[in-house]
Amino acid sequence: MDRDQLAEHLRFAAELGVAGTSRDPAWRGVGNRFAGDPQNSEQISASPAAPDRLPQGVGNRFADPATVPVFRTAADALAGVRADIGDCTRCKLHTLGRKQIVFGVGNPEADLMFVGEAPGADEDLQGEPFVGRAGQLLTKIIEAIGLTREDVYIANVIKCRPPGNRNPEPDEVEQCEPFLFRQIEIIKPKVIVALGKFAAQTLLRTLDPISRLRGRVYDYRGAKLIPTFHPAYLLRNPRRSVRCGKI
């Protein structure tokens, strides 16, 4: 691994909440790589008093570095991230009417991942991303390429519904995005489709509008990242997709 690759790896680790590394074998479980004894799919701990679930906190900041979860499968690792989120109170959205966390759905080992902005009213009620009108259009898009929702993975940058479906605010993105990064690191998709401005800007760390980002393919941590319009935008502007000739 050259210096640039190492620097990128360390930057990504920091975004995931990893504050350091260790030569201790237990540390190999940080993040989602399914390291350790294959007979132990739960966690490796240096202390018998280790917690039976991940502690709450942004990203993956463990209060005790000696307690590190180790997972056998991607599904188990995603469940660990969901447990870490808990009944989240990290940002103000939990006081603004959200009903539940909307984590993600689909194949934990998908080659194709869709990342949206935030849950809407239907998603907040059902606890699943992209189930309203925009979700129905996304499902048709997925089926048009010969796949089903069960073949791909679908998540949002923000896991709670902003009131009135307003745009996510910077502090909300800051608190929630580490969990999206952990989902991506666990799933390791070959292609990520960023649906709309906020998803594309969050992943690419840019303020460029989606109209400028769309139509280009970016290398993104081992995957190809493709920004495009959000299905909700296409519902509001059906001629846009027809005129451009592609979603």
Protein backbone atom coordinates (compact mmCIF):
# COMPACT_ATOMS: atom_id res chain seq x y z
CA MET A 1 0.00 0.00 0.00
CA ASP A 2 1.56 3.33 -1.07
CA ARG A 3 1.42 6.56 0.94
CA ASP A 4 -1.63 7.97 -0.89
CA GLN A 5 -3.59 4.75 -0.41
CA LEU A 6 -2.64 4.65 3.26
CA ALA A 7 -3.70 8.27 3.75
CA GLU A 8 -7.07 7.59 2.09
CA HIS A 9 -7.52 4.48 4.23
CA LEU A 10 -6.83 6.46 7.41
CA ARG A 11 -9.18 9.26 6.36
CA PHE A 12 -11.95 6.73 5.75
CA ALA A 13 -11.24 5.07 9.12
CA ALA A 14 -11.57 8.45 10.81
CA GLU A 15 -14.95 8.99 9.14
CA LEU A 16 -16.05 5.61 10.44
CA GLY A 17 -15.13 6.74 13.95
CA VAL A 18 -12.02 4.59 14.38
CA ALA A 19 -9.66 6.58 16.57
CA GLY A 20 -6.59 4.35 16.24
CA THR A 21 -5.21 0.87 15.66
CA SER A 22 -3.49 -1.79 17.70
CA ARG A 23 -1.44 -4.92 17.20
CA ASP A 24 -3.79 -6.72 19.60
CA PRO A 25 -5.59 -9.48 17.62
CA ALA A 26 -8.90 -8.29 19.04
CA TRP A 27 -8.56 -5.04 17.14
CA ARG A 28 -8.92 -6.84 13.81
CA GLY A 29 -12.68 -6.73 14.21
CA VAL A 30 -12.96 -2.92 14.04
CA GLY A 31 -15.27 -1.86 11.23
CA ASN A 32 -16.81 -4.83 9.54
CA ARG A 33 -14.13 -7.22 8.38
CA PHE A 34 -15.15 -10.59 9.73
CA ALA A 35 -11.85 -11.36 11.43
CA GLY A 36 -10.97 -13.58 14.36
CA ASP A 37 -11.92 -17.10 15.26
CA PRO A 38 -14.61 -18.32 12.83
CA GLN A 39 -16.19 -20.16 15.76
CA ASN A 40 -16.78 -16.83 17.51
CA SER A 41 -19.24 -14.79 15.46
CA GLU A 42 -20.24 -12.39 18.23
CA GLN A 43 -17.33 -10.45 19.66
CA ILE A 44 -13.83 -10.71 21.09
CA SER A 45 -13.38 -9.11 24.49
CA ALA A 46 -10.53 -8.74 26.92
CA SER A 47 -13.02 -8.29 29.73
CA PRO A 48 -15.75 -10.63 31.00
CA ALA A 49 -17.88 -7.57 31.64
CA ALA A 50 -18.07 -6.71 27.94
CA PRO A 51 -21.43 -5.30 26.81
CA ASP A 52 -23.76 -7.62 24.90
CA ARG A 53 -24.38 -4.97 22.21
CA LEU A 54 -22.50 -2.13 20.63
CA PRO A 55 -22.34 1.04 22.71
CA GLN A 56 -24.14 4.11 21.44
CA GLY A 57 -22.02 6.71 19.74
CA VAL A 58 -21.35 8.38 16.44
CA GLY A 59 -19.64 6.06 14.01
CA ASN A 60 -17.80 3.27 15.80
CA ARG A 61 -16.14 4.96 18.77
CA PHE A 62 -15.92 2.29 21.44
CA ALA A 63 -15.59 3.43 25.03
CA ASP A 64 -13.20 0.53 25.69
CA PRO A 65 -10.83 -0.26 22.79
CA ALA A 66 -10.33 -3.74 24.26
CA THR A 67 -13.97 -4.57 23.48
CA VAL A 68 -14.31 -5.00 19.73
CA PRO A 69 -17.19 -6.79 17.99
CA VAL A 70 -16.27 -9.41 15.41
CA PHE A 71 -18.90 -10.57 12.93
CA ARG A 72 -19.03 -13.62 10.71
CA THR A 73 -21.37 -12.21 8.05
CA ALA A 74 -22.23 -8.87 6.51
CA ALA A 75 -25.79 -9.24 7.78
CA ASP A 76 -24.51 -9.59 11.35
CA ALA A 77 -22.24 -6.59 10.89
CA LEU A 78 -25.12 -4.46 9.62
CA ALA A 79 -27.20 -5.58 12.59
CA GLY A 80 -24.37 -4.38 14.79
CA VAL A 81 -24.46 -0.94 13.17
CA ARG A 82 -28.22 -0.81 13.63
CA ALA A 83 -27.81 -1.71 17.30
CA ASP A 84 -25.22 1.04 17.63
CA ILE A 85 -27.71 3.59 16.29
CA GLY A 86 -30.30 2.50 18.83
CA ASP A 87 -33.24 4.84 19.40
CA CYS A 88 -31.01 7.66 18.22
CA THR A 89 -30.96 11.03 20.00
CA ARG A 90 -27.72 12.35 18.52
CA CYS A 91 -29.32 15.21 16.59
CA LYS A 92 -32.48 17.26 16.97
CA LEU A 93 -34.55 15.15 14.58
CA HIS A 94 -35.63 12.84 17.40
CA THR A 95 -37.49 15.82 18.90
CA LEU A 96 -39.11 16.91 15.63
CA GLY A 97 -41.69 14.21 15.05
CA ARG A 98 -39.81 11.27 13.58
CA LYS A 99 -41.53 7.98 14.37
CA GLN A 100 -38.66 5.53 13.90
CA ILE A 101 -35.19 4.94 12.52
CA VAL A 102 -35.13 3.97 8.83
CA PHE A 103 -31.90 2.03 8.54
CA GLY A 104 -31.66 0.22 5.21
CA VAL A 105 -32.98 -2.77 3.33
CA GLY A 106 -31.82 -5.36 0.83
CA ASN A 107 -28.95 -7.74 0.19
CA PRO A 108 -26.10 -7.23 2.72
CA GLU A 109 -23.64 -8.42 0.06
CA ALA A 110 -25.15 -6.54 -2.88
CA ASP A 111 -23.01 -5.47 -5.82
CA LEU A 112 -25.32 -2.48 -6.37
CA MET A 113 -26.25 0.01 -3.65
CA PHE A 114 -28.59 2.99 -3.83
CA VAL A 115 -28.11 5.91 -1.45
CA GLY A 116 -30.85 8.48 -1.02
CA GLU A 117 -31.32 11.58 1.08
CA ALA A 118 -33.68 10.92 4.01
CA PRO A 119 -36.91 9.08 4.83
CA GLY A 120 -40.25 10.61 3.86
CA ALA A 121 -43.62 10.17 5.53
CA ASP A 122 -44.27 6.68 4.12
CA GLU A 123 -40.77 5.53 5.03
CA ASP A 124 -41.13 6.92 8.55
CA LEU A 125 -44.34 4.95 9.00
CA GLN A 126 -43.07 1.67 7.54
CA GLY A 127 -39.44 1.80 8.67
CA GLU A 128 -38.11 1.01 5.19
CA PRO A 129 -36.42 3.35 2.71
CA PHE A 130 -38.05 4.21 -0.63
CA VAL A 131 -41.54 2.77 -0.19
CA GLY A 132 -43.58 5.84 -1.22
CA ARG A 133 -44.16 7.14 -4.75
CA ALA A 134 -40.46 7.81 -5.27
CA GLY A 135 -39.70 4.33 -3.99
CA GLN A 136 -42.16 2.78 -6.42
CA LEU A 137 -40.36 4.52 -9.26
CA LEU A 138 -37.01 3.33 -7.93
CA THR A 139 -38.35 -0.22 -7.80
CA LYS A 140 -39.37 0.04 -11.48
CA ILE A 141 -35.90 1.35 -12.35
CA ILE A 142 -34.30 -1.58 -10.54
CA GLU A 143 -36.59 -4.05 -12.29
CA ALA A 144 -35.81 -2.43 -15.64
CA ILE A 145 -32.19 -3.56 -15.28
CA GLY A 146 -33.23 -7.12 -14.46
CA LEU A 147 -32.90 -6.97 -10.68
CA THR A 148 -35.23 -6.81 -7.69
CA ARG A 149 -35.10 -4.80 -4.47
CA GLU A 150 -33.90 -7.98 -2.76
CA ASP A 151 -30.84 -8.06 -5.05
CA VAL A 152 -29.63 -4.55 -4.17
CA TYR A 153 -29.17 -2.56 -0.96
CA ILE A 154 -31.01 0.71 -0.34
CA ALA A 155 -30.18 3.25 2.36
CA ASN A 156 -30.27 6.98 3.07
CA VAL A 157 -27.74 9.46 4.35
CA ILE A 158 -30.17 10.48 7.11
CA LYS A 159 -31.93 7.75 9.06
CA CYS A 160 -34.74 9.93 10.50
CA ARG A 161 -37.39 11.91 8.66
CA PRO A 162 -36.83 15.69 8.66
CA PRO A 163 -40.06 17.53 9.50
CA GLY A 164 -42.13 18.36 6.44
CA ASN A 165 -39.59 16.48 4.30
CA ARG A 166 -37.33 19.53 4.43
CA ASN A 167 -33.70 19.26 3.36
CA PRO A 168 -31.29 17.71 5.85
CA GLU A 169 -29.29 20.28 7.79
CA PRO A 170 -25.48 20.14 8.13
CA ASP A 171 -25.46 19.09 11.79
CA GLU A 172 -27.91 16.26 11.01
CA VAL A 173 -25.75 15.00 8.15
CA GLU A 174 -22.65 15.21 10.35
CA GLN A 175 -24.19 13.05 13.05
CA CYS A 176 -25.71 10.45 10.73
CA GLU A 177 -23.27 10.03 7.85
CA PRO A 178 -20.79 7.82 9.78
CA PHE A 179 -23.44 5.11 9.90
CA LEU A 180 -23.87 5.29 6.12
CA PHE A 181 -20.11 5.01 5.69
CA ARG A 182 -20.13 1.91 7.87
CA GLN A 183 -22.95 0.40 5.79
CA ILE A 184 -20.93 0.97 2.63
CA GLU A 185 -17.79 -0.47 4.19
CA ILE A 186 -19.67 -3.61 5.26
CA ILE A 187 -21.57 -4.20 2.01
CA LYS A 188 -18.65 -3.30 -0.24
CA PRO A 189 -20.80 -2.76 -3.34
CA LYS A 190 -19.21 -2.61 -6.76
CA VAL A 191 -21.50 0.25 -7.83
CA ILE A 192 -23.11 2.98 -5.70
CA VAL A 193 -25.87 5.11 -7.19
CA ALA A 194 -26.21 8.40 -5.32
CA LEU A 195 -29.81 9.55 -5.67
CA GLY A 196 -29.99 13.31 -5.62
CA LYS A 197 -27.92 16.24 -4.48
CA PHE A 198 -27.49 15.44 -0.81
CA ALA A 199 -26.39 11.85 -1.30
CA ALA A 200 -23.93 12.80 -4.04
CA GLN A 201 -22.54 15.79 -2.15
CA THR A 202 -22.16 13.78 1.07
CA LEU A 203 -20.30 10.91 -0.57
CA LEU A 204 -18.15 13.03 -2.87
CA ARG A 205 -17.49 15.80 -0.33
CA THR A 206 -18.46 18.48 -2.81
CA LEU A 207 -20.90 21.37 -3.13
CA ASP A 208 -21.34 20.89 -6.88
CA PRO A 209 -24.99 20.64 -7.96
CA ILE A 210 -26.39 17.32 -9.08
CA SER A 211 -26.79 18.70 -12.60
CA ARG A 212 -23.01 18.96 -12.80
CA LEU A 213 -22.24 15.66 -11.04
CA ARG A 214 -24.75 13.59 -12.97
CA GLY A 215 -23.53 11.68 -16.00
CA ARG A 216 -20.06 11.08 -14.59
CA VAL A 217 -18.60 7.99 -12.92
CA TYR A 218 -16.35 8.42 -9.90
CA ASP A 219 -13.96 6.00 -8.24
CA TYR A 220 -15.12 5.73 -4.65
CA ARG A 221 -13.27 3.50 -2.20
CA GLY A 222 -13.21 0.46 -4.41
CA ALA A 223 -16.61 1.12 -6.01
CA LYS A 224 -17.90 3.08 -8.97
CA LEU A 225 -20.06 5.98 -7.79
CA ILE A 226 -22.76 7.25 -10.13
CA PRO A 227 -24.69 10.39 -9.10
CA THR A 228 -28.12 10.86 -10.63
CA PHE A 229 -31.44 12.58 -10.05
CA HIS A 230 -33.56 11.52 -7.09
CA PRO A 231 -36.70 9.62 -8.14
CA ALA A 232 -38.82 12.28 -6.41
CA TYR A 233 -37.30 14.87 -8.74
CA LEU A 234 -38.16 12.75 -11.75
CA LEU A 235 -41.76 12.46 -10.55
CA ARG A 236 -41.96 16.24 -10.38
CA ASN A 237 -40.18 16.65 -13.71
CA PRO A 238 -41.04 13.63 -15.89
CA ARG A 239 -39.86 15.33 -19.06
CA ARG A 240 -36.40 15.67 -17.59
CA SER A 241 -35.64 11.94 -17.75
CA VAL A 242 -37.14 11.67 -21.23
CA ARG A 243 -35.19 14.67 -22.52
CA CYS A 244 -31.91 13.45 -21.05
CA GLY A 245 -32.55 9.95 -22.33
CA LYS A 246 -31.40 8.23 -19.14
CA ILE A 247 -32.02 8.09 -15.43
